[in-house]
Amino acid sequence: MGASGKAGDLQTILITGGSSGIGRAAALMLAKDGWDIAISYSTSKESADEVVKLCEAEGVKACAIQADAGTMDGIRKTFDEAMAFLGHIDVLYNNAGVFIDNDFLTATEEAYDRTMDVNVKGTFFLAQLVARQMVEKGIKGRIINTTSAVVDAPTNTPADYCTSKGAVEALTKCMAVWLGPHGITVNAVVPCTIPTKLNKWQFDDPVLRENFRKGSVLGELGESEYVAEAVRYLLSENSRWTTGTRLVIDGGYTLQN
């Protein structure tokens, strides 16, 4: 492993949900390490274009792909455009997700379907497309999924969101078994609730913000960069023998919740 932290010949990465939060932090960090990057985003072209420019300033190739991560058309578009730009995909970081605030007793079928479509179906089928080209090209690549500490400590988190992230953790283990013989590792990063665009409304509430801070045994809020560093490790040569596991970055939240 060199100074960049890159493993072997791995050079390209596709990051979903890369225009803000954890995805943005990972893209900017990995651009400094020399990765060529494709990010996907849902709505904010301005934010996505900014990430691309910041990555390009590090001397790497970067592009942004607008697509709906919860539809097969959007999943295929993301894959096809990333392949056209990068030539091949060495690493997939499945980070796109939705969080629809609701109560279990009043949650709707529409909210449930949207949550499962983006968080589970999108993760499953994009990983399938990327893994197929890895196998075809003999790429000993990496797949990383973002789940959530709420799987271990759901508190009042929406039940459909918890269900979706639990499904992604099971999928991570299954993919690790299926893809291991091809030299492809599959792991999950498991953050607690940290300030991102997805949950800005929670951290704008001073009471909720303080509750999140107290939820950490360290007494402090997390940052997107902490999760990006975990992703960085899972792309390094030192993680070559790590697969089917979950790397928790939660400030000890699940120890006391």
C-alpha atoms as a PDB file:
ATOM      1  CA  MET A   1       0.000   0.000   0.000  1.00  0.00           C
ATOM      2  CA  GLY A   2       1.407   3.348  -1.027  1.00  0.00           C
ATOM      3  CA  ALA A   3       0.890   6.753   0.482  1.00  0.00           C
ATOM      4  CA  SER A   4      -2.438   7.097  -1.291  1.00  0.00           C
ATOM      5  CA  GLY A   5      -4.013   4.207   0.583  1.00  0.00           C
ATOM      6  CA  LYS A   6      -5.149   2.566  -2.657  1.00  0.00           C
ATOM      7  CA  ALA A   7      -5.069  -1.198  -2.964  1.00  0.00           C
ATOM      8  CA  GLY A   8      -3.149  -2.729  -5.845  1.00  0.00           C
ATOM      9  CA  ASP A   9      -4.314  -1.597  -9.283  1.00  0.00           C
ATOM     10  CA  LEU A  10      -7.682  -0.216  -8.174  1.00  0.00           C
ATOM     11  CA  GLN A  11      -8.175   3.191  -9.784  1.00  0.00           C
ATOM     12  CA  THR A  12     -11.864   3.991 -10.308  1.00  0.00           C
ATOM     13  CA  ILE A  13     -14.837   4.331  -8.002  1.00  0.00           C
ATOM     14  CA  LEU A  14     -18.569   4.943  -8.366  1.00  0.00           C
ATOM     15  CA  ILE A  15     -20.171   6.651  -5.366  1.00  0.00           C
ATOM     16  CA  THR A  16     -23.954   6.919  -5.198  1.00  0.00           C
ATOM     17  CA  GLY A  17     -25.423   9.820  -3.287  1.00  0.00           C
ATOM     18  CA  GLY A  18     -22.151  11.653  -3.800  1.00  0.00           C
ATOM     19  CA  SER A  19     -23.311  15.265  -3.908  1.00  0.00           C
ATOM     20  CA  SER A  20     -23.594  15.818  -0.153  1.00  0.00           C
ATOM     21  CA  GLY A  21     -22.921  14.385   3.288  1.00  0.00           C
ATOM     22  CA  ILE A  22     -20.957  11.168   3.584  1.00  0.00           C
ATOM     23  CA  GLY A  23     -20.801  10.584  -0.183  1.00  0.00           C
ATOM     24  CA  ARG A  24     -19.353  14.042  -0.776  1.00  0.00           C
ATOM     25  CA  ALA A  25     -16.796  13.608   2.012  1.00  0.00           C
ATOM     26  CA  ALA A  26     -15.715  10.250   0.577  1.00  0.00           C
ATOM     27  CA  ALA A  27     -15.410  11.648  -2.958  1.00  0.00           C
ATOM     28  CA  LEU A  28     -13.254  14.591  -1.882  1.00  0.00           C
ATOM     29  CA  MET A  29     -11.052  12.435   0.319  1.00  0.00           C
ATOM     30  CA  LEU A  30     -10.516   9.780  -2.344  1.00  0.00           C
ATOM     31  CA  ALA A  31      -9.815  12.372  -5.034  1.00  0.00           C
ATOM     32  CA  LYS A  32      -6.835  13.449  -2.949  1.00  0.00           C
ATOM     33  CA  ASP A  33      -5.717   9.804  -3.029  1.00  0.00           C
ATOM     34  CA  GLY A  34      -5.785   9.771  -6.837  1.00  0.00           C
ATOM     35  CA  TRP A  35      -9.031   7.910  -7.541  1.00  0.00           C
ATOM     36  CA  ASP A  36     -10.989   8.689 -10.713  1.00  0.00           C
ATOM     37  CA  ILE A  37     -14.557   9.200  -9.539  1.00  0.00           C
ATOM     38  CA  ALA A  38     -18.123   9.068 -10.798  1.00  0.00           C
ATOM     39  CA  ILE A  39     -20.814  10.247  -8.403  1.00  0.00           C
ATOM     40  CA  SER A  40     -24.556   9.911  -8.764  1.00  0.00           C
ATOM     41  CA  TYR A  41     -27.097  12.330  -7.331  1.00  0.00           C
ATOM     42  CA  SER A  42     -30.847  12.788  -7.258  1.00  0.00           C
ATOM     43  CA  THR A  43     -31.773  16.461  -7.361  1.00  0.00           C
ATOM     44  CA  SER A  44     -29.021  19.001  -6.650  1.00  0.00           C
ATOM     45  CA  LYS A  45     -27.019  19.502  -9.848  1.00  0.00           C
ATOM     46  CA  GLU A  46     -25.294  22.516  -8.340  1.00  0.00           C
ATOM     47  CA  SER A  47     -23.971  20.505  -5.390  1.00  0.00           C
ATOM     48  CA  ALA A  48     -22.926  17.620  -7.643  1.00  0.00           C
ATOM     49  CA  ASP A  49     -21.098  19.942 -10.047  1.00  0.00           C
ATOM     50  CA  GLU A  50     -19.258  21.499  -7.113  1.00  0.00           C
ATOM     51  CA  VAL A  51     -18.046  18.064  -5.965  1.00  0.00           C
ATOM     52  CA  VAL A  52     -16.854  17.299  -9.500  1.00  0.00           C
ATOM     53  CA  LYS A  53     -14.897  20.557  -9.688  1.00  0.00           C
ATOM     54  CA  LEU A  54     -13.273  19.985  -6.310  1.00  0.00           C
ATOM     55  CA  CYS A  55     -12.268  16.456  -7.328  1.00  0.00           C
ATOM     56  CA  GLU A  56     -10.894  17.639 -10.665  1.00  0.00           C
ATOM     57  CA  ALA A  57      -8.820  20.224  -8.807  1.00  0.00           C
ATOM     58  CA  GLU A  58      -6.945  17.269  -7.295  1.00  0.00           C
ATOM     59  CA  GLY A  59      -5.918  16.178 -10.797  1.00  0.00           C
ATOM     60  CA  VAL A  60      -8.330  13.260 -11.197  1.00  0.00           C
ATOM     61  CA  LYS A  61     -11.199  12.544 -13.577  1.00  0.00           C
ATOM     62  CA  ALA A  62     -14.666  13.114 -12.138  1.00  0.00           C
ATOM     63  CA  CYS A  63     -18.248  13.225 -13.377  1.00  0.00           C
ATOM     64  CA  ALA A  64     -21.754  13.525 -11.958  1.00  0.00           C
ATOM     65  CA  ILE A  65     -24.722  11.408 -13.035  1.00  0.00           C
ATOM     66  CA  GLN A  66     -28.287  12.470 -12.293  1.00  0.00           C
ATOM     67  CA  ALA A  67     -30.457   9.421 -11.708  1.00  0.00           C
ATOM     68  CA  ASP A  68     -33.168   7.999  -9.469  1.00  0.00           C
ATOM     69  CA  ALA A  69     -31.473   5.345  -7.356  1.00  0.00           C
ATOM     70  CA  GLY A  70     -34.804   3.653  -6.682  1.00  0.00           C
ATOM     71  CA  THR A  71     -35.802   2.734 -10.241  1.00  0.00           C
ATOM     72  CA  MET A  72     -34.313   0.185 -12.625  1.00  0.00           C
ATOM     73  CA  ASP A  73     -34.011   2.880 -15.302  1.00  0.00           C
ATOM     74  CA  GLY A  74     -32.059   5.064 -12.882  1.00  0.00           C
ATOM     75  CA  ILE A  75     -29.897   2.165 -11.742  1.00  0.00           C
ATOM     76  CA  ARG A  76     -29.008   1.237 -15.329  1.00  0.00           C
ATOM     77  CA  LYS A  77     -28.358   4.870 -16.228  1.00  0.00           C
ATOM     78  CA  THR A  78     -25.970   5.237 -13.308  1.00  0.00           C
ATOM     79  CA  PHE A  79     -24.062   2.117 -14.302  1.00  0.00           C
ATOM     80  CA  ASP A  80     -23.973   2.849 -18.019  1.00  0.00           C
ATOM     81  CA  GLU A  81     -22.803   6.448 -17.658  1.00  0.00           C
ATOM     82  CA  ALA A  82     -20.197   5.537 -15.036  1.00  0.00           C
ATOM     83  CA  MET A  83     -18.832   2.816 -17.307  1.00  0.00           C
ATOM     84  CA  ALA A  84     -18.764   5.175 -20.296  1.00  0.00           C
ATOM     85  CA  PHE A  85     -16.835   7.764 -18.301  1.00  0.00           C
ATOM     86  CA  LEU A  86     -14.492   5.552 -16.257  1.00  0.00           C
ATOM     87  CA  GLY A  87     -14.056   2.664 -18.684  1.00  0.00           C
ATOM     88  CA  HIS A  88     -14.393   0.172 -15.839  1.00  0.00           C
ATOM     89  CA  ILE A  89     -15.503   0.266 -12.205  1.00  0.00           C
ATOM     90  CA  ASP A  90     -13.037  -1.050  -9.628  1.00  0.00           C
ATOM     91  CA  VAL A  91     -15.063   0.004  -6.591  1.00  0.00           C
ATOM     92  CA  LEU A  92     -18.724   0.679  -5.875  1.00  0.00           C
ATOM     93  CA  TYR A  93     -19.691   2.671  -2.806  1.00  0.00           C
ATOM     94  CA  ASN A  94     -23.464   2.257  -2.400  1.00  0.00           C
ATOM     95  CA  ASN A  95     -24.246   5.312  -0.307  1.00  0.00           C
ATOM     96  CA  ALA A  96     -27.499   6.724  -1.733  1.00  0.00           C
ATOM     97  CA  GLY A  97     -30.448   6.500   0.622  1.00  0.00           C
ATOM     98  CA  VAL A  98     -33.729   8.052   1.696  1.00  0.00           C
ATOM     99  CA  PHE A  99     -35.105   8.659   5.183  1.00  0.00           C
ATOM    100  CA  ILE A 100     -38.812   9.454   5.352  1.00  0.00           C
ATOM    101  CA  ASP A 101     -39.825  10.524   8.850  1.00  0.00           C
ATOM    102  CA  ASN A 102     -42.925   8.641   9.935  1.00  0.00           C
ATOM    103  CA  ASP A 103     -44.574   6.740  12.747  1.00  0.00           C
ATOM    104  CA  PHE A 104     -45.009   2.961  12.484  1.00  0.00           C
ATOM    105  CA  LEU A 105     -48.741   3.214  13.150  1.00  0.00           C
ATOM    106  CA  THR A 106     -49.298   5.769  10.396  1.00  0.00           C
ATOM    107  CA  ALA A 107     -46.556   4.877   7.864  1.00  0.00           C
ATOM    108  CA  THR A 108     -47.878   4.616   4.320  1.00  0.00           C
ATOM    109  CA  GLU A 109     -47.309   2.058   1.610  1.00  0.00           C
ATOM    110  CA  GLU A 110     -45.923   4.835  -0.569  1.00  0.00           C
ATOM    111  CA  ALA A 111     -43.257   5.753   2.015  1.00  0.00           C
ATOM    112  CA  TYR A 112     -42.407   2.088   2.599  1.00  0.00           C
ATOM    113  CA  ASP A 113     -42.050   1.349  -1.115  1.00  0.00           C
ATOM    114  CA  ARG A 114     -39.898   4.420  -1.760  1.00  0.00           C
ATOM    115  CA  THR A 115     -37.616   3.611   1.168  1.00  0.00           C
ATOM    116  CA  MET A 116     -37.156   0.003   0.107  1.00  0.00           C
ATOM    117  CA  ASP A 117     -36.726   0.925  -3.562  1.00  0.00           C
ATOM    118  CA  VAL A 118     -33.866   3.343  -2.951  1.00  0.00           C
ATOM    119  CA  ASN A 119     -32.192   1.762   0.061  1.00  0.00           C
ATOM    120  CA  VAL A 120     -32.502  -1.918  -0.874  1.00  0.00           C
ATOM    121  CA  LYS A 121     -33.409  -2.396  -4.541  1.00  0.00           C
ATOM    122  CA  GLY A 122     -31.022   0.315  -5.665  1.00  0.00           C
ATOM    123  CA  THR A 123     -28.181  -1.172  -3.631  1.00  0.00           C
ATOM    124  CA  PHE A 124     -28.917  -4.725  -4.804  1.00  0.00           C
ATOM    125  CA  PHE A 125     -29.195  -4.176  -8.529  1.00  0.00           C
ATOM    126  CA  LEU A 126     -26.446  -1.587  -8.937  1.00  0.00           C
ATOM    127  CA  ALA A 127     -24.111  -3.923  -7.065  1.00  0.00           C
ATOM    128  CA  GLN A 128     -25.203  -6.743  -9.361  1.00  0.00           C
ATOM    129  CA  LEU A 129     -24.365  -4.729 -12.484  1.00  0.00           C
ATOM    130  CA  VAL A 130     -21.017  -3.593 -11.123  1.00  0.00           C
ATOM    131  CA  ALA A 131     -20.102  -7.049  -9.855  1.00  0.00           C
ATOM    132  CA  ARG A 132     -20.876  -8.628 -13.225  1.00  0.00           C
ATOM    133  CA  GLN A 133     -18.398  -6.351 -14.988  1.00  0.00           C
ATOM    134  CA  MET A 134     -15.834  -6.982 -12.248  1.00  0.00           C
ATOM    135  CA  VAL A 135     -16.139 -10.726 -12.819  1.00  0.00           C
ATOM    136  CA  GLU A 136     -16.077 -10.347 -16.617  1.00  0.00           C
ATOM    137  CA  LYS A 137     -12.977  -8.147 -16.516  1.00  0.00           C
ATOM    138  CA  GLY A 138     -11.221 -10.089 -13.751  1.00  0.00           C
ATOM    139  CA  ILE A 139     -11.265  -7.080 -11.412  1.00  0.00           C
ATOM    140  CA  LYS A 140     -10.628  -7.985  -7.769  1.00  0.00           C
ATOM    141  CA  GLY A 141     -12.707  -5.058  -6.681  1.00  0.00           C
ATOM    142  CA  ARG A 142     -14.481  -3.724  -3.637  1.00  0.00           C
ATOM    143  CA  ILE A 143     -18.134  -3.070  -2.867  1.00  0.00           C
ATOM    144  CA  ILE A 144     -19.061  -0.997   0.176  1.00  0.00           C
ATOM    145  CA  ASN A 145     -22.601  -0.333   1.422  1.00  0.00           C
ATOM    146  CA  THR A 146     -23.818   2.277   3.890  1.00  0.00           C
ATOM    147  CA  THR A 147     -26.172   0.912   6.525  1.00  0.00           C
ATOM    148  CA  SER A 148     -26.972   2.473   9.904  1.00  0.00           C
ATOM    149  CA  ALA A 149     -26.473   2.028  13.625  1.00  0.00           C
ATOM    150  CA  VAL A 150     -30.250   2.171  14.008  1.00  0.00           C
ATOM    151  CA  VAL A 151     -30.279  -1.512  13.042  1.00  0.00           C
ATOM    152  CA  ASP A 152     -28.816  -2.169  16.516  1.00  0.00           C
ATOM    153  CA  ALA A 153     -30.530   0.704  18.341  1.00  0.00           C
ATOM    154  CA  PRO A 154     -33.718   1.723  16.505  1.00  0.00           C
ATOM    155  CA  THR A 155     -35.107   4.042  19.222  1.00  0.00           C
ATOM    156  CA  ASN A 156     -37.831   6.061  17.420  1.00  0.00           C
ATOM    157  CA  THR A 157     -36.393   5.703  13.932  1.00  0.00           C
ATOM    158  CA  PRO A 158     -38.954   4.984  11.185  1.00  0.00           C
ATOM    159  CA  ALA A 159     -39.546   1.232  10.998  1.00  0.00           C
ATOM    160  CA  ASP A 160     -39.329   1.120   7.210  1.00  0.00           C
ATOM    161  CA  TYR A 161     -35.902   2.795   7.308  1.00  0.00           C
ATOM    162  CA  CYS A 162     -34.644   0.342   9.969  1.00  0.00           C
ATOM    163  CA  THR A 163     -36.008  -2.557   7.917  1.00  0.00           C
ATOM    164  CA  SER A 164     -34.249  -1.337   4.778  1.00  0.00           C
ATOM    165  CA  LYS A 165     -30.886  -0.961   6.491  1.00  0.00           C
ATOM    166  CA  GLY A 166     -31.202  -4.376   8.120  1.00  0.00           C
ATOM    167  CA  ALA A 167     -31.834  -5.806   4.663  1.00  0.00           C
ATOM    168  CA  VAL A 168     -28.701  -4.125   3.310  1.00  0.00           C
ATOM    169  CA  GLU A 169     -26.635  -5.660   6.112  1.00  0.00           C
ATOM    170  CA  ALA A 170     -27.956  -9.124   5.201  1.00  0.00           C
ATOM    171  CA  LEU A 171     -27.282  -8.387   1.530  1.00  0.00           C
ATOM    172  CA  THR A 172     -23.718  -7.353   2.350  1.00  0.00           C
ATOM    173  CA  LYS A 173     -23.007 -10.750   3.905  1.00  0.00           C
ATOM    174  CA  CYS A 174     -24.679 -12.645   1.067  1.00  0.00           C
ATOM    175  CA  MET A 175     -22.749 -10.739  -1.601  1.00  0.00           C
ATOM    176  CA  ALA A 176     -19.498 -11.365   0.268  1.00  0.00           C
ATOM    177  CA  VAL A 177     -20.141 -15.120   0.034  1.00  0.00           C
ATOM    178  CA  TRP A 178     -21.130 -15.034  -3.650  1.00  0.00           C
ATOM    179  CA  LEU A 179     -18.335 -12.713  -4.767  1.00  0.00           C
ATOM    180  CA  GLY A 180     -15.491 -13.867  -2.537  1.00  0.00           C
ATOM    181  CA  PRO A 181     -14.418 -16.626  -4.953  1.00  0.00           C
ATOM    182  CA  HIS A 182     -13.905 -13.893  -7.568  1.00  0.00           C
ATOM    183  CA  GLY A 183     -11.607 -11.917  -5.275  1.00  0.00           C
ATOM    184  CA  ILE A 184     -14.214  -9.209  -4.628  1.00  0.00           C
ATOM    185  CA  THR A 185     -14.728  -7.998  -1.063  1.00  0.00           C
ATOM    186  CA  VAL A 186     -18.060  -6.643   0.200  1.00  0.00           C
ATOM    187  CA  ASN A 187     -18.402  -4.718   3.457  1.00  0.00           C
ATOM    188  CA  ALA A 188     -20.652  -2.181   5.162  1.00  0.00           C
ATOM    189  CA  VAL A 189     -19.924   1.053   6.969  1.00  0.00           C
ATOM    190  CA  VAL A 190     -22.384   1.634   9.800  1.00  0.00           C
ATOM    191  CA  PRO A 191     -22.653   5.251  10.939  1.00  0.00           C
ATOM    192  CA  CYS A 192     -24.844   6.654  13.668  1.00  0.00           C
ATOM    193  CA  THR A 193     -26.920   9.731  12.908  1.00  0.00           C
ATOM    194  CA  ILE A 194     -24.543  12.522  11.912  1.00  0.00           C
ATOM    195  CA  PRO A 195     -25.374  15.917  10.381  1.00  0.00           C
ATOM    196  CA  THR A 196     -26.020  15.586   6.623  1.00  0.00           C
ATOM    197  CA  LYS A 197     -28.446  17.053   4.101  1.00  0.00           C
ATOM    198  CA  LEU A 198     -30.633  13.970   4.574  1.00  0.00           C
ATOM    199  CA  ASN A 199     -31.375  14.725   8.223  1.00  0.00           C
ATOM    200  CA  LYS A 200     -30.726  18.483   8.413  1.00  0.00           C
ATOM    201  CA  TRP A 201     -34.165  19.075   9.909  1.00  0.00           C
ATOM    202  CA  GLN A 202     -33.212  16.970  12.937  1.00  0.00           C
ATOM    203  CA  PHE A 203     -30.025  18.859  13.674  1.00  0.00           C
ATOM    204  CA  ASP A 204     -31.751  22.209  13.164  1.00  0.00           C
ATOM    205  CA  ASP A 205     -33.811  21.315  16.241  1.00  0.00           C
ATOM    206  CA  PRO A 206     -31.626  22.192  19.273  1.00  0.00           C
ATOM    207  CA  VAL A 207     -33.288  19.576  21.479  1.00  0.00           C
ATOM    208  CA  LEU A 208     -32.779  16.753  18.979  1.00  0.00           C
ATOM    209  CA  ARG A 209     -29.228  17.921  18.281  1.00  0.00           C
ATOM    210  CA  GLU A 210     -28.393  17.776  21.977  1.00  0.00           C
ATOM    211  CA  ASN A 211     -29.975  14.328  22.281  1.00  0.00           C
ATOM    212  CA  PHE A 212     -27.757  13.060  19.464  1.00  0.00           C
ATOM    213  CA  ARG A 213     -24.699  14.545  21.161  1.00  0.00           C
ATOM    214  CA  LYS A 214     -25.580  12.886  24.463  1.00  0.00           C
ATOM    215  CA  GLY A 215     -26.177   9.602  22.629  1.00  0.00           C
ATOM    216  CA  SER A 216     -22.441   9.266  22.056  1.00  0.00           C
ATOM    217  CA  VAL A 217     -20.373   7.941  24.950  1.00  0.00           C
ATOM    218  CA  LEU A 218     -17.777  10.443  23.748  1.00  0.00           C
ATOM    219  CA  GLY A 219     -20.233  13.298  24.181  1.00  0.00           C
ATOM    220  CA  GLU A 220     -19.771  14.704  20.686  1.00  0.00           C
ATOM    221  CA  LEU A 221     -21.433  14.600  17.299  1.00  0.00           C
ATOM    222  CA  GLY A 222     -19.966  12.645  14.419  1.00  0.00           C
ATOM    223  CA  GLU A 223     -18.821  14.028  11.079  1.00  0.00           C
ATOM    224  CA  SER A 224     -19.101  12.731   7.523  1.00  0.00           C
ATOM    225  CA  GLU A 225     -15.315  12.615   7.274  1.00  0.00           C
ATOM    226  CA  TYR A 226     -15.164   9.959  10.011  1.00  0.00           C
ATOM    227  CA  VAL A 227     -17.214   7.621   7.816  1.00  0.00           C
ATOM    228  CA  ALA A 228     -15.194   8.560   4.736  1.00  0.00           C
ATOM    229  CA  GLU A 229     -12.041   7.466   6.562  1.00  0.00           C
ATOM    230  CA  ALA A 230     -13.663   4.077   7.203  1.00  0.00           C
ATOM    231  CA  VAL A 231     -14.423   3.782   3.494  1.00  0.00           C
ATOM    232  CA  ARG A 232     -10.816   4.697   2.782  1.00  0.00           C
ATOM    233  CA  TYR A 233      -9.632   1.846   4.994  1.00  0.00           C
ATOM    234  CA  LEU A 234     -11.883  -0.648   3.215  1.00  0.00           C
ATOM    235  CA  LEU A 235     -10.252   0.373  -0.068  1.00  0.00           C
ATOM    236  CA  SER A 236      -6.728  -0.084   1.226  1.00  0.00           C
ATOM    237  CA  GLU A 237      -4.454  -3.074   0.774  1.00  0.00           C
ATOM    238  CA  ASN A 238      -4.607  -3.660   4.522  1.00  0.00           C
ATOM    239  CA  SER A 239      -8.315  -4.554   4.236  1.00  0.00           C
ATOM    240  CA  ARG A 240      -7.698  -7.188   1.550  1.00  0.00           C
ATOM    241  CA  TRP A 241      -8.767  -9.969   3.957  1.00  0.00           C
ATOM    242  CA  THR A 242     -11.803  -8.138   5.329  1.00  0.00           C
ATOM    243  CA  THR A 243     -15.146  -9.092   3.817  1.00  0.00           C
ATOM    244  CA  GLY A 244     -18.750  -9.607   4.867  1.00  0.00           C
ATOM    245  CA  THR A 245     -18.333  -7.408   7.901  1.00  0.00           C
ATOM    246  CA  ARG A 246     -19.699  -4.140   9.257  1.00  0.00           C
ATOM    247  CA  LEU A 247     -17.474  -1.298  10.394  1.00  0.00           C
ATOM    248  CA  VAL A 248     -19.372   0.727  12.996  1.00  0.00           C
ATOM    249  CA  ILE A 249     -18.640   4.447  13.280  1.00  0.00           C
ATOM    250  CA  ASP A 250     -21.100   5.679  15.900  1.00  0.00           C
ATOM    251  CA  GLY A 251     -19.226   7.299  18.783  1.00  0.00           C
ATOM    252  CA  GLY A 252     -20.402   4.466  21.006  1.00  0.00           C
ATOM    253  CA  TYR A 253     -24.058   5.309  20.389  1.00  0.00           C
ATOM    254  CA  THR A 254     -25.144   1.671  20.260  1.00  0.00           C
ATOM    255  CA  LEU A 255     -23.422   0.942  23.569  1.00  0.00           C
ATOM    256  CA  GLN A 256     -26.031   2.867  25.514  1.00  0.00           C
ATOM    257  CA  ASN A 257     -29.129   2.935  23.303  1.00  0.00           C
END
